[in-house]
Amino acid sequence: MKNNPVVPYILILAFGIGLIFFMSLTGAENKKEIAAEKEGGGETTEATDDGSALVQSCIGCHAADLTGAVGPNLHGLDEARIVDVLTNGIEGTPMTPGMKNEAEAKAIAEYISTLK
């Protein structure tokens, strides 16, 4: 008797559907916590004092040392310019308006100004 080559794919499909169902139930149980984080009631408010932690969201485009990759080098930029870009964005770029709130933007700008 030969093994049916479709069986492993069916098992993977069934496992994937089950996993998605389980994850949706977990998300439904945590919807109040998720909503509180989106409204600013989550851990992000504690991190506003620490620009070094907040700048982690920048390294994807500006490199780990913030010297530039896809995005420009951030060293030497004026703090006011950094705050302006993080809150108002730059049209035609991935820097969309509202990326960070005013407090987070100021913390990031202060941290970047300390880099050499």
PDB file of N, CA and C in Angstrom:
ATOM      1  N   MET A   1       0.835  -1.173   0.000  1.00  0.00           N
ATOM      2  CA  MET A   1       0.000   0.000   0.000  1.00  0.00           C
ATOM      3  C   MET A   1       0.887   1.245   0.000  1.00  0.00           C
ATOM      4  N   LYS A   2       0.611   2.204  -0.895  1.00  0.00           N
ATOM      5  CA  LYS A   2       1.400   3.422  -1.006  1.00  0.00           C
ATOM      6  C   LYS A   2       0.840   4.500  -0.088  1.00  0.00           C
ATOM      7  N   ASN A   3       1.773   5.361   0.380  1.00  0.00           N
ATOM      8  CA  ASN A   3       1.350   6.500   1.192  1.00  0.00           C
ATOM      9  C   ASN A   3       0.821   7.601   0.278  1.00  0.00           C
ATOM     10  N   ASN A   4      -0.213   8.254   0.711  1.00  0.00           N
ATOM     11  CA  ASN A   4      -0.786   9.350  -0.055  1.00  0.00           C
ATOM     12  C   ASN A   4       0.046  10.611   0.196  1.00  0.00           C
ATOM     13  N   PRO A   5       0.622  11.248  -0.842  1.00  0.00           N
ATOM     14  CA  PRO A   5       1.481  12.420  -0.634  1.00  0.00           C
ATOM     15  C   PRO A   5       0.717  13.665  -0.178  1.00  0.00           C
ATOM     16  N   VAL A   6      -0.590  13.665  -0.205  1.00  0.00           N
ATOM     17  CA  VAL A   6      -1.388  14.820   0.185  1.00  0.00           C
ATOM     18  C   VAL A   6      -1.608  14.869   1.698  1.00  0.00           C
ATOM     19  N   VAL A   7      -1.466  13.758   2.373  1.00  0.00           N
ATOM     20  CA  VAL A   7      -1.762  13.681   3.806  1.00  0.00           C
ATOM     21  C   VAL A   7      -0.941  14.676   4.626  1.00  0.00           C
ATOM     22  N   PRO A   8       0.379  14.812   4.415  1.00  0.00           N
ATOM     23  CA  PRO A   8       1.119  15.789   5.230  1.00  0.00           C
ATOM     24  C   PRO A   8       0.600  17.221   5.047  1.00  0.00           C
ATOM     25  N   TYR A   9       0.206  17.564   3.837  1.00  0.00           N
ATOM     26  CA  TYR A   9      -0.317  18.913   3.588  1.00  0.00           C
ATOM     27  C   TYR A   9      -1.649  19.131   4.293  1.00  0.00           C
ATOM     28  N   ILE A  10      -2.463  18.127   4.329  1.00  0.00           N
ATOM     29  CA  ILE A  10      -3.747  18.222   5.024  1.00  0.00           C
ATOM     30  C   ILE A  10      -3.517  18.376   6.528  1.00  0.00           C
ATOM     31  N   LEU A  11      -2.552  17.658   7.075  1.00  0.00           N
ATOM     32  CA  LEU A  11      -2.243  17.770   8.501  1.00  0.00           C
ATOM     33  C   LEU A  11      -1.711  19.168   8.834  1.00  0.00           C
ATOM     34  N   ILE A  12      -0.851  19.690   7.985  1.00  0.00           N
ATOM     35  CA  ILE A  12      -0.323  21.038   8.210  1.00  0.00           C
ATOM     36  C   ILE A  12      -1.452  22.063   8.136  1.00  0.00           C
ATOM     37  N   LEU A  13      -2.354  21.920   7.177  1.00  0.00           N
ATOM     38  CA  LEU A  13      -3.496  22.816   7.042  1.00  0.00           C
ATOM     39  C   LEU A  13      -4.365  22.773   8.299  1.00  0.00           C
ATOM     40  N   ALA A  14      -4.660  21.575   8.780  1.00  0.00           N
ATOM     41  CA  ALA A  14      -5.494  21.428   9.970  1.00  0.00           C
ATOM     42  C   ALA A  14      -4.812  22.056  11.189  1.00  0.00           C
ATOM     43  N   PHE A  15      -3.509  21.835  11.320  1.00  0.00           N
ATOM     44  CA  PHE A  15      -2.771  22.423  12.434  1.00  0.00           C
ATOM     45  C   PHE A  15      -2.791  23.948  12.346  1.00  0.00           C
ATOM     46  N   GLY A  16      -2.588  24.502  11.157  1.00  0.00           N
ATOM     47  CA  GLY A  16      -2.598  25.952  10.958  1.00  0.00           C
ATOM     48  C   GLY A  16      -3.938  26.569  11.302  1.00  0.00           C
ATOM     49  N   ILE A  17      -5.005  25.948  10.872  1.00  0.00           N
ATOM     50  CA  ILE A  17      -6.346  26.454  11.183  1.00  0.00           C
ATOM     51  C   ILE A  17      -6.595  26.414  12.688  1.00  0.00           C
ATOM     52  N   GLY A  18      -6.189  25.332  13.318  1.00  0.00           N
ATOM     53  CA  GLY A  18      -6.335  25.225  14.772  1.00  0.00           C
ATOM     54  C   GLY A  18      -5.538  26.290  15.508  1.00  0.00           C
ATOM     55  N   LEU A  19      -4.330  26.547  15.041  1.00  0.00           N
ATOM     56  CA  LEU A  19      -3.482  27.562  15.665  1.00  0.00           C
ATOM     57  C   LEU A  19      -4.095  28.949  15.513  1.00  0.00           C
ATOM     58  N   ILE A  20      -4.603  29.266  14.342  1.00  0.00           N
ATOM     59  CA  ILE A  20      -5.243  30.566  14.121  1.00  0.00           C
ATOM     60  C   ILE A  20      -6.461  30.723  15.035  1.00  0.00           C
ATOM     61  N   PHE A  21      -7.253  29.670  15.171  1.00  0.00           N
ATOM     62  CA  PHE A  21      -8.420  29.706  16.044  1.00  0.00           C
ATOM     63  C   PHE A  21      -7.996  29.968  17.489  1.00  0.00           C
ATOM     64  N   PHE A  22      -6.972  29.247  17.954  1.00  0.00           N
ATOM     65  CA  PHE A  22      -6.484  29.419  19.318  1.00  0.00           C
ATOM     66  C   PHE A  22      -5.971  30.841  19.543  1.00  0.00           C
ATOM     67  N   MET A  23      -5.212  31.374  18.587  1.00  0.00           N
ATOM     68  CA  MET A  23      -4.659  32.718  18.729  1.00  0.00           C
ATOM     69  C   MET A  23      -5.760  33.776  18.738  1.00  0.00           C
ATOM     70  N   SER A  24      -6.825  33.560  17.979  1.00  0.00           N
ATOM     71  CA  SER A  24      -7.920  34.531  17.980  1.00  0.00           C
ATOM     72  C   SER A  24      -8.652  34.525  19.320  1.00  0.00           C
ATOM     73  N   LEU A  25      -8.760  33.366  19.942  1.00  0.00           N
ATOM     74  CA  LEU A  25      -9.378  33.308  21.270  1.00  0.00           C
ATOM     75  C   LEU A  25      -8.525  34.033  22.296  1.00  0.00           C
ATOM     76  N   THR A  26      -7.220  33.861  22.218  1.00  0.00           N
ATOM     77  CA  THR A  26      -6.308  34.537  23.141  1.00  0.00           C
ATOM     78  C   THR A  26      -6.410  36.050  22.962  1.00  0.00           C
ATOM     79  N   GLY A  27      -6.470  36.510  21.714  1.00  0.00           N
ATOM     80  CA  GLY A  27      -6.606  37.938  21.453  1.00  0.00           C
ATOM     81  C   GLY A  27      -7.919  38.487  21.970  1.00  0.00           C
ATOM     82  N   ALA A  28      -8.985  37.712  21.839  1.00  0.00           N
ATOM     83  CA  ALA A  28     -10.291  38.155  22.315  1.00  0.00           C
ATOM     84  C   ALA A  28     -10.294  38.315  23.834  1.00  0.00           C
ATOM     85  N   GLU A  29      -9.565  37.438  24.523  1.00  0.00           N
ATOM     86  CA  GLU A  29      -9.492  37.537  25.981  1.00  0.00           C
ATOM     87  C   GLU A  29      -8.701  38.763  26.421  1.00  0.00           C
ATOM     88  N   ASN A  30      -7.755  39.202  25.609  1.00  0.00           N
ATOM     89  CA  ASN A  30      -6.893  40.317  25.972  1.00  0.00           C
ATOM     90  C   ASN A  30      -7.292  41.632  25.315  1.00  0.00           C
ATOM     91  N   LYS A  31      -8.497  41.717  24.773  1.00  0.00           N
ATOM     92  CA  LYS A  31      -8.867  42.907  24.013  1.00  0.00           C
ATOM     93  C   LYS A  31      -8.886  44.174  24.858  1.00  0.00           C
ATOM     94  N   LYS A  32      -9.229  44.096  26.133  1.00  0.00           N
ATOM     95  CA  LYS A  32      -9.225  45.289  26.978  1.00  0.00           C
ATOM     96  C   LYS A  32      -7.800  45.788  27.196  1.00  0.00           C
ATOM     97  N   GLU A  33      -6.857  44.867  27.400  1.00  0.00           N
ATOM     98  CA  GLU A  33      -5.454  45.258  27.581  1.00  0.00           C
ATOM     99  C   GLU A  33      -4.898  45.862  26.301  1.00  0.00           C
ATOM    100  N   ILE A  34      -5.235  45.283  25.177  1.00  0.00           N
ATOM    101  CA  ILE A  34      -4.760  45.779  23.883  1.00  0.00           C
ATOM    102  C   ILE A  34      -5.317  47.175  23.626  1.00  0.00           C
ATOM    103  N   ALA A  35      -6.583  47.387  23.925  1.00  0.00           N
ATOM    104  CA  ALA A  35      -7.196  48.704  23.730  1.00  0.00           C
ATOM    105  C   ALA A  35      -6.556  49.738  24.642  1.00  0.00           C
ATOM    106  N   ALA A  36      -6.240  49.363  25.878  1.00  0.00           N
ATOM    107  CA  ALA A  36      -5.605  50.291  26.810  1.00  0.00           C
ATOM    108  C   ALA A  36      -4.220  50.696  26.316  1.00  0.00           C
ATOM    109  N   GLU A  37      -3.480  49.760  25.731  1.00  0.00           N
ATOM    110  CA  GLU A  37      -2.157  50.085  25.200  1.00  0.00           C
ATOM    111  C   GLU A  37      -2.258  51.036  24.016  1.00  0.00           C
ATOM    112  N   LYS A  38      -3.262  50.844  23.172  1.00  0.00           N
ATOM    113  CA  LYS A  38      -3.431  51.729  22.013  1.00  0.00           C
ATOM    114  C   LYS A  38      -3.820  53.137  22.437  1.00  0.00           C
ATOM    115  N   GLU A  39      -4.508  53.258  23.562  1.00  0.00           N
ATOM    116  CA  GLU A  39      -4.932  54.565  24.060  1.00  0.00           C
ATOM    117  C   GLU A  39      -3.844  55.247  24.875  1.00  0.00           C
ATOM    118  N   GLY A  40      -2.708  54.585  25.024  1.00  0.00           N
ATOM    119  CA  GLY A  40      -1.612  55.179  25.781  1.00  0.00           C
ATOM    120  C   GLY A  40      -1.595  54.756  27.227  1.00  0.00           C
ATOM    121  N   GLY A  41      -2.422  53.823  27.611  1.00  0.00           N
ATOM    122  CA  GLY A  41      -2.454  53.372  28.989  1.00  0.00           C
ATOM    123  C   GLY A  41      -1.549  52.192  29.243  1.00  0.00           C
ATOM    124  N   GLY A  42      -0.795  51.762  28.241  1.00  0.00           N
ATOM    125  CA  GLY A  42       0.072  50.599  28.379  1.00  0.00           C
ATOM    126  C   GLY A  42       1.474  50.973  28.806  1.00  0.00           C
ATOM    127  N   GLU A  43       2.416  50.107  28.520  1.00  0.00           N
ATOM    128  CA  GLU A  43       3.791  50.289  28.951  1.00  0.00           C
ATOM    129  C   GLU A  43       4.497  51.419  28.216  1.00  0.00           C
ATOM    130  N   THR A  44       3.975  51.873  27.096  1.00  0.00           N
ATOM    131  CA  THR A  44       4.659  52.898  26.322  1.00  0.00           C
ATOM    132  C   THR A  44       4.790  54.197  27.100  1.00  0.00           C
ATOM    133  N   THR A  45       3.888  54.487  28.028  1.00  0.00           N
ATOM    134  CA  THR A  45       3.991  55.726  28.786  1.00  0.00           C
ATOM    135  C   THR A  45       5.172  55.680  29.747  1.00  0.00           C
ATOM    136  N   GLU A  46       5.545  54.506  30.243  1.00  0.00           N
ATOM    137  CA  GLU A  46       6.692  54.395  31.133  1.00  0.00           C
ATOM    138  C   GLU A  46       7.989  54.589  30.373  1.00  0.00           C
ATOM    139  N   ALA A  47       8.008  54.232  29.103  1.00  0.00           N
ATOM    140  CA  ALA A  47       9.227  54.285  28.320  1.00  0.00           C
ATOM    141  C   ALA A  47       9.520  55.670  27.764  1.00  0.00           C
ATOM    142  N   THR A  48       8.638  56.647  27.975  1.00  0.00           N
ATOM    143  CA  THR A  48       8.849  57.967  27.392  1.00  0.00           C
ATOM    144  C   THR A  48      10.087  58.645  27.948  1.00  0.00           C
ATOM    145  N   ASP A  49      10.538  58.277  29.142  1.00  0.00           N
ATOM    146  CA  ASP A  49      11.727  58.879  29.717  1.00  0.00           C
ATOM    147  C   ASP A  49      13.004  58.300  29.117  1.00  0.00           C
ATOM    148  N   ASP A  50      12.928  57.158  28.476  1.00  0.00           N
ATOM    149  CA  ASP A  50      14.108  56.462  27.998  1.00  0.00           C
ATOM    150  C   ASP A  50      14.155  56.463  26.475  1.00  0.00           C
ATOM    151  N   GLY A  51      14.837  57.448  25.908  1.00  0.00           N
ATOM    152  CA  GLY A  51      14.964  57.540  24.462  1.00  0.00           C
ATOM    153  C   GLY A  51      15.725  56.385  23.862  1.00  0.00           C
ATOM    154  N   SER A  52      16.658  55.797  24.631  1.00  0.00           N
ATOM    155  CA  SER A  52      17.429  54.675  24.098  1.00  0.00           C
ATOM    156  C   SER A  52      16.550  53.464  23.842  1.00  0.00           C
ATOM    157  N   ALA A  53      15.503  53.290  24.621  1.00  0.00           N
ATOM    158  CA  ALA A  53      14.573  52.181  24.386  1.00  0.00           C
ATOM    159  C   ALA A  53      13.640  52.510  23.227  1.00  0.00           C
ATOM    160  N   LEU A  54      13.185  53.749  23.154  1.00  0.00           N
ATOM    161  CA  LEU A  54      12.261  54.148  22.102  1.00  0.00           C
ATOM    162  C   LEU A  54      12.913  54.151  20.726  1.00  0.00           C
ATOM    163  N   VAL A  55      14.213  54.409  20.670  1.00  0.00           N
ATOM    164  CA  VAL A  55      14.906  54.513  19.389  1.00  0.00           C
ATOM    165  C   VAL A  55      15.029  53.148  18.704  1.00  0.00           C
ATOM    166  N   GLN A  56      14.708  52.080  19.401  1.00  0.00           N
ATOM    167  CA  GLN A  56      14.777  50.743  18.807  1.00  0.00           C
ATOM    168  C   GLN A  56      13.860  50.610  17.597  1.00  0.00           C
ATOM    169  N   SER A  57      12.786  51.383  17.565  1.00  0.00           N
ATOM    170  CA  SER A  57      11.876  51.339  16.414  1.00  0.00           C
ATOM    171  C   SER A  57      12.468  52.030  15.191  1.00  0.00           C
ATOM    172  N   CYS A  58      13.580  52.741  15.358  1.00  0.00           N
ATOM    173  CA  CYS A  58      14.206  53.484  14.262  1.00  0.00           C
ATOM    174  C   CYS A  58      15.287  52.691  13.542  1.00  0.00           C
ATOM    175  N   ILE A  59      15.808  51.647  14.200  1.00  0.00           N
ATOM    176  CA  ILE A  59      16.988  50.979  13.656  1.00  0.00           C
ATOM    177  C   ILE A  59      16.723  50.199  12.378  1.00  0.00           C
ATOM    178  N   GLY A  60      15.490  49.889  12.091  1.00  0.00           N
ATOM    179  CA  GLY A  60      15.182  49.172  10.862  1.00  0.00           C
ATOM    180  C   GLY A  60      15.558  49.963   9.620  1.00  0.00           C
ATOM    181  N   CYS A  61      15.412  51.268   9.670  1.00  0.00           N
ATOM    182  CA  CYS A  61      15.736  52.126   8.516  1.00  0.00           C
ATOM    183  C   CYS A  61      17.025  52.909   8.709  1.00  0.00           C
ATOM    184  N   HIS A  62      17.371  53.220   9.964  1.00  0.00           N
ATOM    185  CA  HIS A  62      18.506  54.101  10.216  1.00  0.00           C
ATOM    186  C   HIS A  62      19.725  53.358  10.767  1.00  0.00           C
ATOM    187  N   ALA A  63      19.706  52.037  10.806  1.00  0.00           N
ATOM    188  CA  ALA A  63      20.795  51.161  11.275  1.00  0.00           C
ATOM    189  C   ALA A  63      20.890  51.173  12.800  1.00  0.00           C
ATOM    190  N   ALA A  64      21.538  50.161  13.345  1.00  0.00           N
ATOM    191  CA  ALA A  64      21.629  49.993  14.794  1.00  0.00           C
ATOM    192  C   ALA A  64      22.348  51.151  15.462  1.00  0.00           C
ATOM    193  N   ASP A  65      23.321  51.752  14.782  1.00  0.00           N
ATOM    194  CA  ASP A  65      24.047  52.885  15.355  1.00  0.00           C
ATOM    195  C   ASP A  65      23.496  54.227  14.877  1.00  0.00           C
ATOM    196  N   LEU A  66      22.385  54.188  14.137  1.00  0.00           N
ATOM    197  CA  LEU A  66      21.678  55.367  13.629  1.00  0.00           C
ATOM    198  C   LEU A  66      22.521  56.217  12.668  1.00  0.00           C
ATOM    199  N   THR A  67      23.505  55.585  12.020  1.00  0.00           N
ATOM    200  CA  THR A  67      24.340  56.305  11.052  1.00  0.00           C
ATOM    201  C   THR A  67      23.771  56.230   9.648  1.00  0.00           C
ATOM    202  N   GLY A  68      22.636  55.603   9.491  1.00  0.00           N
ATOM    203  CA  GLY A  68      21.957  55.578   8.201  1.00  0.00           C
ATOM    204  C   GLY A  68      22.057  54.241   7.503  1.00  0.00           C
ATOM    205  N   ALA A  69      20.991  53.872   6.863  1.00  0.00           N
ATOM    206  CA  ALA A  69      20.906  52.675   6.024  1.00  0.00           C
ATOM    207  C   ALA A  69      19.958  53.055   4.901  1.00  0.00           C
ATOM    208  N   VAL A  70      18.703  52.646   5.006  1.00  0.00           N
ATOM    209  CA  VAL A  70      17.685  53.093   4.058  1.00  0.00           C
ATOM    210  C   VAL A  70      17.365  54.562   4.334  1.00  0.00           C
ATOM    211  N   GLY A  71      17.259  54.897   5.612  1.00  0.00           N
ATOM    212  CA  GLY A  71      17.038  56.278   6.018  1.00  0.00           C
ATOM    213  C   GLY A  71      18.362  56.976   6.270  1.00  0.00           C
ATOM    214  N   PRO A  72      18.337  58.290   6.448  1.00  0.00           N
ATOM    215  CA  PRO A  72      19.583  59.050   6.607  1.00  0.00           C
ATOM    216  C   PRO A  72      20.235  58.881   7.976  1.00  0.00           C
ATOM    217  N   ASN A  73      21.470  59.357   8.065  1.00  0.00           N
ATOM    218  CA  ASN A  73      22.216  59.406   9.315  1.00  0.00           C
ATOM    219  C   ASN A  73      21.505  60.377  10.258  1.00  0.00           C
ATOM    220  N   LEU A  74      21.264  59.954  11.494  1.00  0.00           N
ATOM    221  CA  LEU A  74      20.556  60.801  12.453  1.00  0.00           C
ATOM    222  C   LEU A  74      21.503  61.574  13.360  1.00  0.00           C
ATOM    223  N   HIS A  75      22.782  61.225  13.354  1.00  0.00           N
ATOM    224  CA  HIS A  75      23.751  61.917  14.196  1.00  0.00           C
ATOM    225  C   HIS A  75      23.889  63.365  13.734  1.00  0.00           C
ATOM    226  N   GLY A  76      23.889  64.271  14.686  1.00  0.00           N
ATOM    227  CA  GLY A  76      24.096  65.672  14.372  1.00  0.00           C
ATOM    228  C   GLY A  76      22.838  66.429  13.961  1.00  0.00           C
ATOM    229  N   LEU A  77      21.695  65.750  13.907  1.00  0.00           N
ATOM    230  CA  LEU A  77      20.463  66.462  13.557  1.00  0.00           C
ATOM    231  C   LEU A  77      19.987  67.303  14.734  1.00  0.00           C
ATOM    232  N   ASP A  78      19.348  68.395  14.428  1.00  0.00           N
ATOM    233  CA  ASP A  78      18.786  69.289  15.421  1.00  0.00           C
ATOM    234  C   ASP A  78      17.637  68.591  16.149  1.00  0.00           C
ATOM    235  N   GLU A  79      17.568  68.737  17.468  1.00  0.00           N
ATOM    236  CA  GLU A  79      16.506  68.100  18.256  1.00  0.00           C
ATOM    237  C   GLU A  79      15.120  68.521  17.788  1.00  0.00           C
ATOM    238  N   ALA A  80      14.958  69.792  17.476  1.00  0.00           N
ATOM    239  CA  ALA A  80      13.651  70.282  17.034  1.00  0.00           C
ATOM    240  C   ALA A  80      13.234  69.613  15.729  1.00  0.00           C
ATOM    241  N   ARG A  81      14.196  69.387  14.830  1.00  0.00           N
ATOM    242  CA  ARG A  81      13.892  68.720  13.546  1.00  0.00           C
ATOM    243  C   ARG A  81      13.459  67.274  13.784  1.00  0.00           C
ATOM    244  N   ILE A  82      14.132  66.582  14.691  1.00  0.00           N
ATOM    245  CA  ILE A  82      13.773  65.198  14.998  1.00  0.00           C
ATOM    246  C   ILE A  82      12.361  65.125  15.560  1.00  0.00           C
ATOM    247  N   VAL A  83      12.046  66.002  16.500  1.00  0.00           N
ATOM    248  CA  VAL A  83      10.705  66.035  17.098  1.00  0.00           C
ATOM    249  C   VAL A  83       9.663  66.324  16.017  1.00  0.00           C
ATOM    250  N   ASP A  84       9.962  67.281  15.142  1.00  0.00           N
ATOM    251  CA  ASP A  84       9.036  67.645  14.067  1.00  0.00           C
ATOM    252  C   ASP A  84       8.770  66.453  13.144  1.00  0.00           C
ATOM    253  N   VAL A  85       9.812  65.752  12.739  1.00  0.00           N
ATOM    254  CA  VAL A  85       9.652  64.614  11.818  1.00  0.00           C
ATOM    255  C   VAL A  85       8.890  63.476  12.486  1.00  0.00           C
ATOM    256  N   LEU A  86       9.199  63.195  13.745  1.00  0.00           N
ATOM    257  CA  LEU A  86       8.525  62.090  14.438  1.00  0.00           C
ATOM    258  C   LEU A  86       7.053  62.372  14.694  1.00  0.00           C
ATOM    259  N   THR A  87       6.690  63.619  14.872  1.00  0.00           N
ATOM    260  CA  THR A  87       5.293  63.940  15.145  1.00  0.00           C
ATOM    261  C   THR A  87       4.513  64.294  13.884  1.00  0.00           C
ATOM    262  N   ASN A  88       5.164  64.954  12.915  1.00  0.00           N
ATOM    263  CA  ASN A  88       4.460  65.409  11.707  1.00  0.00           C
ATOM    264  C   ASN A  88       4.784  64.599  10.454  1.00  0.00           C
ATOM    265  N   GLY A  89       5.858  63.829  10.486  1.00  0.00           N
ATOM    266  CA  GLY A  89       6.224  62.993   9.348  1.00  0.00           C
ATOM    267  C   GLY A  89       6.869  63.780   8.218  1.00  0.00           C
ATOM    268  N   ILE A  90       7.238  63.052   7.160  1.00  0.00           N
ATOM    269  CA  ILE A  90       7.774  63.641   5.937  1.00  0.00           C
ATOM    270  C   ILE A  90       6.997  63.023   4.789  1.00  0.00           C
ATOM    271  N   GLU A  91       6.298  63.843   4.032  1.00  0.00           N
ATOM    272  CA  GLU A  91       5.456  63.352   2.941  1.00  0.00           C
ATOM    273  C   GLU A  91       6.285  62.579   1.918  1.00  0.00           C
ATOM    274  N   GLY A  92       5.740  61.457   1.469  1.00  0.00           N
ATOM    275  CA  GLY A  92       6.398  60.646   0.453  1.00  0.00           C
ATOM    276  C   GLY A  92       7.455  59.701   0.996  1.00  0.00           C
ATOM    277  N   THR A  93       7.549  59.582   2.320  1.00  0.00           N
ATOM    278  CA  THR A  93       8.519  58.685   2.942  1.00  0.00           C
ATOM    279  C   THR A  93       7.791  57.791   3.953  1.00  0.00           C
ATOM    280  N   PRO A  94       8.478  56.779   4.475  1.00  0.00           N
ATOM    281  CA  PRO A  94       7.854  55.958   5.522  1.00  0.00           C
ATOM    282  C   PRO A  94       7.638  56.708   6.835  1.00  0.00           C
ATOM    283  N   MET A  95       8.169  57.915   6.961  1.00  0.00           N
ATOM    284  CA  MET A  95       7.995  58.712   8.170  1.00  0.00           C
ATOM    285  C   MET A  95       6.621  59.381   8.123  1.00  0.00           C
ATOM    286  N   THR A  96       5.628  58.658   8.615  1.00  0.00           N
ATOM    287  CA  THR A  96       4.253  59.140   8.574  1.00  0.00           C
ATOM    288  C   THR A  96       3.930  60.006   9.794  1.00  0.00           C
ATOM    289  N   PRO A  97       2.981  60.910   9.675  1.00  0.00           N
ATOM    290  CA  PRO A  97       2.592  61.738  10.825  1.00  0.00           C
ATOM    291  C   PRO A  97       2.109  60.876  11.988  1.00  0.00           C
ATOM    292  N   GLY A  98       2.449  61.279  13.200  1.00  0.00           N
ATOM    293  CA  GLY A  98       1.982  60.598  14.397  1.00  0.00           C
ATOM    294  C   GLY A  98       2.742  59.334  14.739  1.00  0.00           C
ATOM    295  N   MET A  99       3.950  59.171  14.218  1.00  0.00           N
ATOM    296  CA  MET A  99       4.718  57.967  14.546  1.00  0.00           C
ATOM    297  C   MET A  99       4.992  57.884  16.043  1.00  0.00           C
ATOM    298  N   LYS A 100       5.236  59.018  16.648  1.00  0.00           N
ATOM    299  CA  LYS A 100       5.472  59.092  18.093  1.00  0.00           C
ATOM    300  C   LYS A 100       4.715  60.289  18.639  1.00  0.00           C
ATOM    301  N   ASN A 101       4.337  60.196  19.911  1.00  0.00           N
ATOM    302  CA  ASN A 101       3.708  61.362  20.535  1.00  0.00           C
ATOM    303  C   ASN A 101       4.803  62.358  20.920  1.00  0.00           C
ATOM    304  N   GLU A 102       4.408  63.527  21.367  1.00  0.00           N
ATOM    305  CA  GLU A 102       5.366  64.610  21.652  1.00  0.00           C
ATOM    306  C   GLU A 102       6.412  64.202  22.688  1.00  0.00           C
ATOM    307  N   ALA A 103       5.993  63.552  23.764  1.00  0.00           N
ATOM    308  CA  ALA A 103       6.930  63.154  24.820  1.00  0.00           C
ATOM    309  C   ALA A 103       7.929  62.123  24.314  1.00  0.00           C
ATOM    310  N   GLU A 104       7.437  61.133  23.548  1.00  0.00           N
ATOM    311  CA  GLU A 104       8.334  60.118  22.999  1.00  0.00           C
ATOM    312  C   GLU A 104       9.310  60.740  22.014  1.00  0.00           C
ATOM    313  N   ALA A 105       8.827  61.639  21.167  1.00  0.00           N
ATOM    314  CA  ALA A 105       9.685  62.289  20.180  1.00  0.00           C
ATOM    315  C   ALA A 105      10.782  63.104  20.861  1.00  0.00           C
ATOM    316  N   LYS A 106      10.439  63.810  21.929  1.00  0.00           N
ATOM    317  CA  LYS A 106      11.440  64.598  22.653  1.00  0.00           C
ATOM    318  C   LYS A 106      12.481  63.694  23.309  1.00  0.00           C
ATOM    319  N   ALA A 107      12.032  62.570  23.882  1.00  0.00           N
ATOM    320  CA  ALA A 107      12.978  61.633  24.506  1.00  0.00           C
ATOM    321  C   ALA A 107      13.937  61.058  23.459  1.00  0.00           C
ATOM    322  N   ILE A 108      13.419  60.709  22.299  1.00  0.00           N
ATOM    323  CA  ILE A 108      14.273  60.186  21.224  1.00  0.00           C
ATOM    324  C   ILE A 108      15.251  61.247  20.760  1.00  0.00           C
ATOM    325  N   ALA A 109      14.775  62.470  20.568  1.00  0.00           N
ATOM    326  CA  ALA A 109      15.639  63.563  20.111  1.00  0.00           C
ATOM    327  C   ALA A 109      16.752  63.839  21.113  1.00  0.00           C
ATOM    328  N   GLU A 110      16.419  63.837  22.396  1.00  0.00           N
ATOM    329  CA  GLU A 110      17.437  64.057  23.425  1.00  0.00           C
ATOM    330  C   GLU A 110      18.472  62.948  23.412  1.00  0.00           C
ATOM    331  N   TYR A 111      18.028  61.711  23.243  1.00  0.00           N
ATOM    332  CA  TYR A 111      18.961  60.583  23.197  1.00  0.00           C
ATOM    333  C   TYR A 111      19.870  60.680  21.972  1.00  0.00           C
ATOM    334  N   ILE A 112      19.300  60.970  20.811  1.00  0.00           N
ATOM    335  CA  ILE A 112      20.094  61.057  19.583  1.00  0.00           C
ATOM    336  C   ILE A 112      21.120  62.181  19.681  1.00  0.00           C
ATOM    337  N   SER A 113      20.771  63.283  20.353  1.00  0.00           N
ATOM    338  CA  SER A 113      21.709  64.406  20.472  1.00  0.00           C
ATOM    339  C   SER A 113      22.929  64.040  21.324  1.00  0.00           C
ATOM    340  N   THR A 114      22.841  62.994  22.136  1.00  0.00           N
ATOM    341  CA  THR A 114      23.980  62.566  22.954  1.00  0.00           C
ATOM    342  C   THR A 114      24.937  61.659  22.196  1.00  0.00           C
ATOM    343  N   LEU A 115      24.514  61.167  21.037  1.00  0.00           N
ATOM    344  CA  LEU A 115      25.356  60.246  20.270  1.00  0.00           C
ATOM    345  C   LEU A 115      26.468  60.998  19.563  1.00  0.00           C
ATOM    346  N   LYS A 116      27.606  60.390  19.476  1.00  0.00           N
ATOM    347  CA  LYS A 116      28.755  60.993  18.755  1.00  0.00           C
ATOM    348  C   LYS A 116      29.016  60.237  17.492  1.00  0.00           C
TER     349      LYS A 116
END
